[in-house]
Amino acid sequence: MSKIIRVNMTQKEVKFEEVADKYTSLGGRALTSQLIADEVPATCDALGPFNKLVIAPGLL
């Protein structure tokens, strides 16, 4: 895993980012959980604009 693809559906743009060092050993559920914990506010509405959908493959 060397890139993160971020898709902003509101502005209709796609960005490719390098993976941060703290995410390099993670995959699947661990990666999605860590990204959500880092980037989504705890009081975010489940269907609100600040929530995120994260899809990640496992380590294998």
PDB file of N, CA and C in Angstrom:
ATOM      1  N   MET A   1       0.847  -1.169   0.000  1.00  0.00           N
ATOM      2  CA  MET A   1       0.000   0.000   0.000  1.00  0.00           C
ATOM      3  C   MET A   1       0.892   1.231   0.000  1.00  0.00           C
ATOM      4  N   SER A   2       0.809   2.025  -1.028  1.00  0.00           N
ATOM      5  CA  SER A   2       1.666   3.194  -1.087  1.00  0.00           C
ATOM      6  C   SER A   2       0.894   4.492  -1.267  1.00  0.00           C
ATOM      7  N   LYS A   3      -0.388   4.433  -1.561  1.00  0.00           N
ATOM      8  CA  LYS A   3      -1.184   5.642  -1.790  1.00  0.00           C
ATOM      9  C   LYS A   3      -2.543   5.533  -1.116  1.00  0.00           C
ATOM     10  N   ILE A   4      -3.077   6.686  -0.757  1.00  0.00           N
ATOM     11  CA  ILE A   4      -4.463   6.795  -0.302  1.00  0.00           C
ATOM     12  C   ILE A   4      -5.173   7.645  -1.346  1.00  0.00           C
ATOM     13  N   ILE A   5      -6.318   7.183  -1.796  1.00  0.00           N
ATOM     14  CA  ILE A   5      -7.110   7.929  -2.760  1.00  0.00           C
ATOM     15  C   ILE A   5      -8.271   8.556  -1.995  1.00  0.00           C
ATOM     16  N   ARG A   6      -8.374   9.860  -2.070  1.00  0.00           N
ATOM     17  CA  ARG A   6      -9.473  10.581  -1.411  1.00  0.00           C
ATOM     18  C   ARG A   6     -10.389  11.137  -2.486  1.00  0.00           C
ATOM     19  N   VAL A   7     -11.677  10.796  -2.390  1.00  0.00           N
ATOM     20  CA  VAL A   7     -12.671  11.259  -3.357  1.00  0.00           C
ATOM     21  C   VAL A   7     -13.633  12.191  -2.628  1.00  0.00           C
ATOM     22  N   ASN A   8     -13.706  13.426  -3.080  1.00  0.00           N
ATOM     23  CA  ASN A   8     -14.619  14.409  -2.519  1.00  0.00           C
ATOM     24  C   ASN A   8     -15.807  14.524  -3.473  1.00  0.00           C
ATOM     25  N   MET A   9     -16.928  13.967  -3.060  1.00  0.00           N
ATOM     26  CA  MET A   9     -18.104  13.938  -3.930  1.00  0.00           C
ATOM     27  C   MET A   9     -18.789  15.296  -4.015  1.00  0.00           C
ATOM     28  N   THR A  10     -18.595  16.152  -3.024  1.00  0.00           N
ATOM     29  CA  THR A  10     -19.200  17.478  -3.055  1.00  0.00           C
ATOM     30  C   THR A  10     -18.540  18.349  -4.114  1.00  0.00           C
ATOM     31  N   GLN A  11     -17.207  18.327  -4.133  1.00  0.00           N
ATOM     32  CA  GLN A  11     -16.467  19.155  -5.085  1.00  0.00           C
ATOM     33  C   GLN A  11     -16.062  18.388  -6.342  1.00  0.00           C
ATOM     34  N   LYS A  12     -16.396  17.107  -6.386  1.00  0.00           N
ATOM     35  CA  LYS A  12     -16.095  16.238  -7.527  1.00  0.00           C
ATOM     36  C   LYS A  12     -14.612  16.265  -7.887  1.00  0.00           C
ATOM     37  N   GLU A  13     -13.778  15.973  -6.896  1.00  0.00           N
ATOM     38  CA  GLU A  13     -12.344  15.919  -7.140  1.00  0.00           C
ATOM     39  C   GLU A  13     -11.724  14.693  -6.475  1.00  0.00           C
ATOM     40  N   VAL A  14     -10.626  14.248  -7.029  1.00  0.00           N
ATOM     41  CA  VAL A  14      -9.908  13.078  -6.547  1.00  0.00           C
ATOM     42  C   VAL A  14      -8.481  13.500  -6.223  1.00  0.00           C
ATOM     43  N   LYS A  15      -7.979  13.069  -5.059  1.00  0.00           N
ATOM     44  CA  LYS A  15      -6.604  13.366  -4.654  1.00  0.00           C
ATOM     45  C   LYS A  15      -5.898  12.069  -4.281  1.00  0.00           C
ATOM     46  N   PHE A  16      -4.649  11.967  -4.653  1.00  0.00           N
ATOM     47  CA  PHE A  16      -3.799  10.847  -4.275  1.00  0.00           C
ATOM     48  C   PHE A  16      -2.813  11.353  -3.235  1.00  0.00           C
ATOM     49  N   GLU A  17      -2.687  10.619  -2.123  1.00  0.00           N
ATOM     50  CA  GLU A  17      -1.778  11.016  -1.048  1.00  0.00           C
ATOM     51  C   GLU A  17      -0.843   9.861  -0.707  1.00  0.00           C
ATOM     52  N   GLU A  18       0.338  10.203  -0.262  1.00  0.00           N
ATOM     53  CA  GLU A  18       1.245   9.194   0.271  1.00  0.00           C
ATOM     54  C   GLU A  18       0.694   8.721   1.621  1.00  0.00           C
ATOM     55  N   VAL A  19       0.921   7.484   1.949  1.00  0.00           N
ATOM     56  CA  VAL A  19       0.451   6.927   3.209  1.00  0.00           C
ATOM     57  C   VAL A  19       1.345   7.406   4.345  1.00  0.00           C
ATOM     58  N   ALA A  20       0.738   7.896   5.410  1.00  0.00           N
ATOM     59  CA  ALA A  20       1.499   8.326   6.588  1.00  0.00           C
ATOM     60  C   ALA A  20       2.157   7.112   7.246  1.00  0.00           C
ATOM     61  N   ASP A  21       3.285   7.324   7.884  1.00  0.00           N
ATOM     62  CA  ASP A  21       4.038   6.230   8.497  1.00  0.00           C
ATOM     63  C   ASP A  21       3.226   5.443   9.511  1.00  0.00           C
ATOM     64  N   LYS A  22       2.329   6.110  10.229  1.00  0.00           N
ATOM     65  CA  LYS A  22       1.571   5.393  11.260  1.00  0.00           C
ATOM     66  C   LYS A  22       0.530   4.439  10.677  1.00  0.00           C
ATOM     67  N   TYR A  23       0.246   4.537   9.374  1.00  0.00           N
ATOM     68  CA  TYR A  23      -0.720   3.650   8.725  1.00  0.00           C
ATOM     69  C   TYR A  23      -0.078   2.531   7.910  1.00  0.00           C
ATOM     70  N   THR A  24       1.224   2.527   7.754  1.00  0.00           N
ATOM     71  CA  THR A  24       1.858   1.572   6.843  1.00  0.00           C
ATOM     72  C   THR A  24       1.722   0.118   7.285  1.00  0.00           C
ATOM     73  N   SER A  25       1.619  -0.132   8.566  1.00  0.00           N
ATOM     74  CA  SER A  25       1.520  -1.524   9.029  1.00  0.00           C
ATOM     75  C   SER A  25       0.072  -1.967   9.218  1.00  0.00           C
ATOM     76  N   LEU A  26      -0.883  -1.120   8.868  1.00  0.00           N
ATOM     77  CA  LEU A  26      -2.291  -1.440   9.067  1.00  0.00           C
ATOM     78  C   LEU A  26      -2.951  -1.830   7.752  1.00  0.00           C
ATOM     79  N   GLY A  27      -4.027  -2.576   7.864  1.00  0.00           N
ATOM     80  CA  GLY A  27      -4.804  -2.948   6.694  1.00  0.00           C
ATOM     81  C   GLY A  27      -6.196  -3.363   7.124  1.00  0.00           C
ATOM     82  N   GLY A  28      -7.132  -3.340   6.222  1.00  0.00           N
ATOM     83  CA  GLY A  28      -8.490  -3.786   6.503  1.00  0.00           C
ATOM     84  C   GLY A  28      -9.149  -3.021   7.627  1.00  0.00           C
ATOM     85  N   ARG A  29      -9.715  -3.747   8.588  1.00  0.00           N
ATOM     86  CA  ARG A  29     -10.451  -3.120   9.694  1.00  0.00           C
ATOM     87  C   ARG A  29      -9.583  -2.216  10.543  1.00  0.00           C
ATOM     88  N   ALA A  30      -8.343  -2.588  10.756  1.00  0.00           N
ATOM     89  CA  ALA A  30      -7.460  -1.753  11.579  1.00  0.00           C
ATOM     90  C   ALA A  30      -7.218  -0.404  10.911  1.00  0.00           C
ATOM     91  N   LEU A  31      -7.011  -0.404   9.609  1.00  0.00           N
ATOM     92  CA  LEU A  31      -6.776   0.846   8.885  1.00  0.00           C
ATOM     93  C   LEU A  31      -8.028   1.709   8.859  1.00  0.00           C
ATOM     94  N   THR A  32      -9.166   1.128   8.548  1.00  0.00           N
ATOM     95  CA  THR A  32     -10.398   1.918   8.490  1.00  0.00           C
ATOM     96  C   THR A  32     -10.746   2.489   9.863  1.00  0.00           C
ATOM     97  N   SER A  33     -10.587   1.694  10.898  1.00  0.00           N
ATOM     98  CA  SER A  33     -10.883   2.163  12.257  1.00  0.00           C
ATOM     99  C   SER A  33      -9.967   3.300  12.672  1.00  0.00           C
ATOM    100  N   GLN A  34      -8.689   3.200  12.354  1.00  0.00           N
ATOM    101  CA  GLN A  34      -7.732   4.243  12.729  1.00  0.00           C
ATOM    102  C   GLN A  34      -7.994   5.537  11.950  1.00  0.00           C
ATOM    103  N   LEU A  35      -8.293   5.435  10.665  1.00  0.00           N
ATOM    104  CA  LEU A  35      -8.610   6.627   9.876  1.00  0.00           C
ATOM    105  C   LEU A  35      -9.864   7.332  10.402  1.00  0.00           C
ATOM    106  N   ILE A  36     -10.886   6.562  10.712  1.00  0.00           N
ATOM    107  CA  ILE A  36     -12.120   7.145  11.256  1.00  0.00           C
ATOM    108  C   ILE A  36     -11.851   7.797  12.605  1.00  0.00           C
ATOM    109  N   ALA A  37     -11.091   7.143  13.471  1.00  0.00           N
ATOM    110  CA  ALA A  37     -10.779   7.704  14.786  1.00  0.00           C
ATOM    111  C   ALA A  37      -9.986   9.007  14.661  1.00  0.00           C
ATOM    112  N   ASP A  38      -9.097   9.082  13.676  1.00  0.00           N
ATOM    113  CA  ASP A  38      -8.258  10.264  13.494  1.00  0.00           C
ATOM    114  C   ASP A  38      -8.972  11.426  12.801  1.00  0.00           C
ATOM    115  N   GLU A  39      -9.894  11.129  11.886  1.00  0.00           N
ATOM    116  CA  GLU A  39     -10.410  12.171  10.999  1.00  0.00           C
ATOM    117  C   GLU A  39     -11.890  12.517  11.150  1.00  0.00           C
ATOM    118  N   VAL A  40     -12.653  11.718  11.886  1.00  0.00           N
ATOM    119  CA  VAL A  40     -14.085  11.980  12.017  1.00  0.00           C
ATOM    120  C   VAL A  40     -14.387  12.376  13.463  1.00  0.00           C
ATOM    121  N   PRO A  41     -15.056  13.508  13.668  1.00  0.00           N
ATOM    122  CA  PRO A  41     -15.405  13.914  15.032  1.00  0.00           C
ATOM    123  C   PRO A  41     -16.293  12.878  15.717  1.00  0.00           C
ATOM    124  N   ALA A  42     -16.111  12.700  16.997  1.00  0.00           N
ATOM    125  CA  ALA A  42     -16.872  11.686  17.752  1.00  0.00           C
ATOM    126  C   ALA A  42     -18.368  11.981  17.769  1.00  0.00           C
ATOM    127  N   THR A  43     -18.752  13.234  17.676  1.00  0.00           N
ATOM    128  CA  THR A  43     -20.170  13.599  17.722  1.00  0.00           C
ATOM    129  C   THR A  43     -20.780  13.749  16.328  1.00  0.00           C
ATOM    130  N   CYS A  44     -20.104  13.246  15.327  1.00  0.00           N
ATOM    131  CA  CYS A  44     -20.554  13.365  13.942  1.00  0.00           C
ATOM    132  C   CYS A  44     -21.840  12.577  13.715  1.00  0.00           C
ATOM    133  N   ASP A  45     -22.760  13.169  12.973  1.00  0.00           N
ATOM    134  CA  ASP A  45     -23.987  12.493  12.579  1.00  0.00           C
ATOM    135  C   ASP A  45     -23.638  11.413  11.560  1.00  0.00           C
ATOM    136  N   ALA A  46     -24.242  10.250  11.705  1.00  0.00           N
ATOM    137  CA  ALA A  46     -23.921   9.121  10.823  1.00  0.00           C
ATOM    138  C   ALA A  46     -24.152   9.437   9.346  1.00  0.00           C
ATOM    139  N   LEU A  47     -25.127  10.245   9.035  1.00  0.00           N
ATOM    140  CA  LEU A  47     -25.425  10.610   7.657  1.00  0.00           C
ATOM    141  C   LEU A  47     -25.041  12.057   7.358  1.00  0.00           C
ATOM    142  N   GLY A  48     -24.268  12.666   8.249  1.00  0.00           N
ATOM    143  CA  GLY A  48     -23.891  14.065   8.097  1.00  0.00           C
ATOM    144  C   GLY A  48     -22.708  14.272   7.165  1.00  0.00           C
ATOM    145  N   PRO A  49     -22.400  15.515   6.871  1.00  0.00           N
ATOM    146  CA  PRO A  49     -21.344  15.846   5.906  1.00  0.00           C
ATOM    147  C   PRO A  49     -19.926  15.587   6.419  1.00  0.00           C
ATOM    148  N   PHE A  50     -19.739  15.417   7.718  1.00  0.00           N
ATOM    149  CA  PHE A  50     -18.395  15.220   8.256  1.00  0.00           C
ATOM    150  C   PHE A  50     -18.018  13.752   8.414  1.00  0.00           C
ATOM    151  N   ASN A  51     -18.962  12.849   8.164  1.00  0.00           N
ATOM    152  CA  ASN A  51     -18.670  11.422   8.252  1.00  0.00           C
ATOM    153  C   ASN A  51     -17.958  10.970   6.978  1.00  0.00           C
ATOM    154  N   LYS A  52     -17.256   9.844   7.038  1.00  0.00           N
ATOM    155  CA  LYS A  52     -16.497   9.346   5.899  1.00  0.00           C
ATOM    156  C   LYS A  52     -16.807   7.868   5.656  1.00  0.00           C
ATOM    157  N   LEU A  53     -16.689   7.481   4.417  1.00  0.00           N
ATOM    158  CA  LEU A  53     -16.765   6.079   4.025  1.00  0.00           C
ATOM    159  C   LEU A  53     -15.351   5.669   3.664  1.00  0.00           C
ATOM    160  N   VAL A  54     -14.826   4.673   4.375  1.00  0.00           N
ATOM    161  CA  VAL A  54     -13.439   4.221   4.136  1.00  0.00           C
ATOM    162  C   VAL A  54     -13.499   2.776   3.675  1.00  0.00           C
ATOM    163  N   ILE A  55     -12.860   2.491   2.549  1.00  0.00           N
ATOM    164  CA  ILE A  55     -12.757   1.136   2.016  1.00  0.00           C
ATOM    165  C   ILE A  55     -11.280   0.803   1.925  1.00  0.00           C
ATOM    166  N   ALA A  56     -10.885  -0.324   2.523  1.00  0.00           N
ATOM    167  CA  ALA A  56      -9.472  -0.682   2.548  1.00  0.00           C
ATOM    168  C   ALA A  56      -9.309  -2.196   2.392  1.00  0.00           C
ATOM    169  N   PRO A  57      -8.320  -2.614   1.602  1.00  0.00           N
ATOM    170  CA  PRO A  57      -8.045  -4.045   1.495  1.00  0.00           C
ATOM    171  C   PRO A  57      -7.286  -4.532   2.722  1.00  0.00           C
ATOM    172  N   GLY A  58      -7.305  -5.822   2.956  1.00  0.00           N
ATOM    173  CA  GLY A  58      -6.515  -6.394   4.040  1.00  0.00           C
ATOM    174  C   GLY A  58      -5.031  -6.402   3.698  1.00  0.00           C
ATOM    175  N   LEU A  59      -4.215  -6.816   4.632  1.00  0.00           N
ATOM    176  CA  LEU A  59      -2.773  -6.820   4.409  1.00  0.00           C
ATOM    177  C   LEU A  59      -2.335  -7.812   3.325  1.00  0.00           C
ATOM    178  N   LEU A  60      -3.075  -8.887   3.167  1.00  0.00           N
ATOM    179  CA  LEU A  60      -2.695  -9.872   2.163  1.00  0.00           C
ATOM    180  C   LEU A  60      -3.219  -9.477   0.808  1.00  0.00           C
TER     181      LEU A  60
END
